Amino acid sequence: MDLSEISVKRPVLAIVMSLVILLFGVISYTFLGVREYPSIDPPIINVRTSYPGANADIIESQITEPLEKS
C-alpha cells in the first residue's frame, strides 16, 4: 500500500497526519531564533540645498525637485 491508496481508504488518517505536520511546522517556526534573520538597514540619503536670497518655493521648484528626479 502506498500513501495515496491509504489516503483514499482512510481520509481521516490523512487529515490527522496533515494537521500533525502543520502543528510541527508552527512549533518549529516559533522556536526559530531571531538571529537567523539578517538585520537590514534601509538606504537613506539626505540632501541639503540652499540658494541665498531665494524663498522656499523657488528652492523647491528649481533646485530640490530636479535633484530628486535625477
C-alpha atoms as a PDB file:
ATOM      1  CA  MET A   1       0.000   0.000   0.000  1.00  0.00           C
ATOM      2  CA  ASP A   2       1.322   3.376  -0.881  1.00  0.00           C
ATOM      3  CA  LEU A   3       0.445   6.732   0.646  1.00  0.00           C
ATOM      4  CA  SER A   4      -2.180   7.703  -1.926  1.00  0.00           C
ATOM      5  CA  GLU A   5      -4.047   4.434  -1.510  1.00  0.00           C
ATOM      6  CA  ILE A   6      -4.064   4.780   2.291  1.00  0.00           C
ATOM      7  CA  SER A   7      -5.284   8.371   1.995  1.00  0.00           C
ATOM      8  CA  VAL A   8      -8.187   7.347  -0.233  1.00  0.00           C
ATOM      9  CA  LYS A   9      -9.205   4.454   2.019  1.00  0.00           C
ATOM     10  CA  ARG A  10      -8.783   6.389   5.289  1.00  0.00           C
ATOM     11  CA  PRO A  11      -9.366  10.116   4.750  1.00  0.00           C
ATOM     12  CA  VAL A  12      -9.499  10.846   8.484  1.00  0.00           C
ATOM     13  CA  LEU A  13      -5.982   9.455   8.886  1.00  0.00           C
ATOM     14  CA  ALA A  14      -4.757  11.674   6.042  1.00  0.00           C
ATOM     15  CA  ILE A  15      -6.339  14.763   7.627  1.00  0.00           C
ATOM     16  CA  VAL A  16      -4.847  13.964  11.052  1.00  0.00           C
ATOM     17  CA  MET A  17      -1.400  13.405   9.544  1.00  0.00           C
ATOM     18  CA  SER A  18      -1.650  16.727   7.696  1.00  0.00           C
ATOM     19  CA  LEU A  19      -2.643  18.508  10.907  1.00  0.00           C
ATOM     20  CA  VAL A  20       0.267  16.913  12.789  1.00  0.00           C
ATOM     21  CA  ILE A  21       2.710  18.085  10.115  1.00  0.00           C
ATOM     22  CA  LEU A  22       1.175  21.561  10.262  1.00  0.00           C
ATOM     23  CA  LEU A  23       1.435  21.594  14.062  1.00  0.00           C
ATOM     24  CA  PHE A  24       5.129  20.622  13.925  1.00  0.00           C
ATOM     25  CA  GLY A  25       5.723  23.419  11.416  1.00  0.00           C
ATOM     26  CA  VAL A  26       4.069  26.036  13.615  1.00  0.00           C
ATOM     27  CA  ILE A  27       6.002  24.875  16.680  1.00  0.00           C
ATOM     28  CA  SER A  28       9.275  24.924  14.738  1.00  0.00           C
ATOM     29  CA  TYR A  29       8.548  28.419  13.454  1.00  0.00           C
ATOM     30  CA  THR A  30       8.029  29.737  16.994  1.00  0.00           C
ATOM     31  CA  PHE A  31      11.391  28.310  18.103  1.00  0.00           C
ATOM     32  CA  LEU A  32      13.230  29.830  15.145  1.00  0.00           C
ATOM     33  CA  GLY A  33      15.810  32.247  16.521  1.00  0.00           C
ATOM     34  CA  VAL A  34      15.814  35.926  15.763  1.00  0.00           C
ATOM     35  CA  ARG A  35      19.495  35.774  14.885  1.00  0.00           C
ATOM     36  CA  GLU A  36      18.573  33.719  11.827  1.00  0.00           C
ATOM     37  CA  TYR A  37      17.072  36.839  10.243  1.00  0.00           C
ATOM     38  CA  PRO A  38      19.614  39.323   8.847  1.00  0.00           C
ATOM     39  CA  SER A  39      19.364  42.897  10.014  1.00  0.00           C
ATOM     40  CA  ILE A  40      18.717  45.117   7.037  1.00  0.00           C
ATOM     41  CA  ASP A  41      19.097  48.868   7.209  1.00  0.00           C
ATOM     42  CA  PRO A  42      17.158  50.735   4.541  1.00  0.00           C
ATOM     43  CA  PRO A  43      19.294  53.118   2.487  1.00  0.00           C
ATOM     44  CA  ILE A  44      18.785  56.752   3.465  1.00  0.00           C
ATOM     45  CA  ILE A  45      20.151  59.734   1.599  1.00  0.00           C
ATOM     46  CA  ASN A  46      19.932  63.271   2.913  1.00  0.00           C
ATOM     47  CA  VAL A  47      20.442  66.182   0.541  1.00  0.00           C
ATOM     48  CA  ARG A  48      20.501  69.768   1.737  1.00  0.00           C
ATOM     49  CA  THR A  49      20.001  72.561  -0.780  1.00  0.00           C
ATOM     50  CA  SER A  50      20.376  76.278  -0.277  1.00  0.00           C
ATOM     51  CA  TYR A  51      20.070  79.290  -2.519  1.00  0.00           C
ATOM     52  CA  PRO A  52      20.899  82.571  -0.785  1.00  0.00           C
ATOM     53  CA  GLY A  53      18.268  85.250  -1.309  1.00  0.00           C
ATOM     54  CA  ALA A  54      15.534  82.912  -2.634  1.00  0.00           C
ATOM     55  CA  ASN A  55      12.343  81.881  -0.915  1.00  0.00           C
ATOM     56  CA  ALA A  56      11.342  78.262  -0.196  1.00  0.00           C
ATOM     57  CA  ASP A  57       9.115  77.904  -3.286  1.00  0.00           C
ATOM     58  CA  ILE A  58      11.929  78.803  -5.691  1.00  0.00           C
ATOM     59  CA  ILE A  59      14.383  76.485  -3.951  1.00  0.00           C
ATOM     60  CA  GLU A  60      11.886  73.645  -4.132  1.00  0.00           C
ATOM     61  CA  SER A  61      10.872  74.113  -7.772  1.00  0.00           C
ATOM     62  CA  GLN A  62      14.281  74.981  -9.285  1.00  0.00           C
ATOM     63  CA  ILE A  63      16.737  73.023  -7.139  1.00  0.00           C
ATOM     64  CA  THR A  64      15.168  70.324  -4.983  1.00  0.00           C
ATOM     65  CA  GLU A  65      12.736  68.781  -7.498  1.00  0.00           C
ATOM     66  CA  PRO A  66      15.343  68.396 -10.291  1.00  0.00           C
ATOM     67  CA  LEU A  67      17.730  66.825  -7.766  1.00  0.00           C
ATOM     68  CA  GLU A  68      15.057  64.354  -6.647  1.00  0.00           C
ATOM     69  CA  LYS A  69      14.224  63.418 -10.251  1.00  0.00           C
ATOM     70  CA  SER A  70      17.845  62.756 -11.132  1.00  0.00           C
END
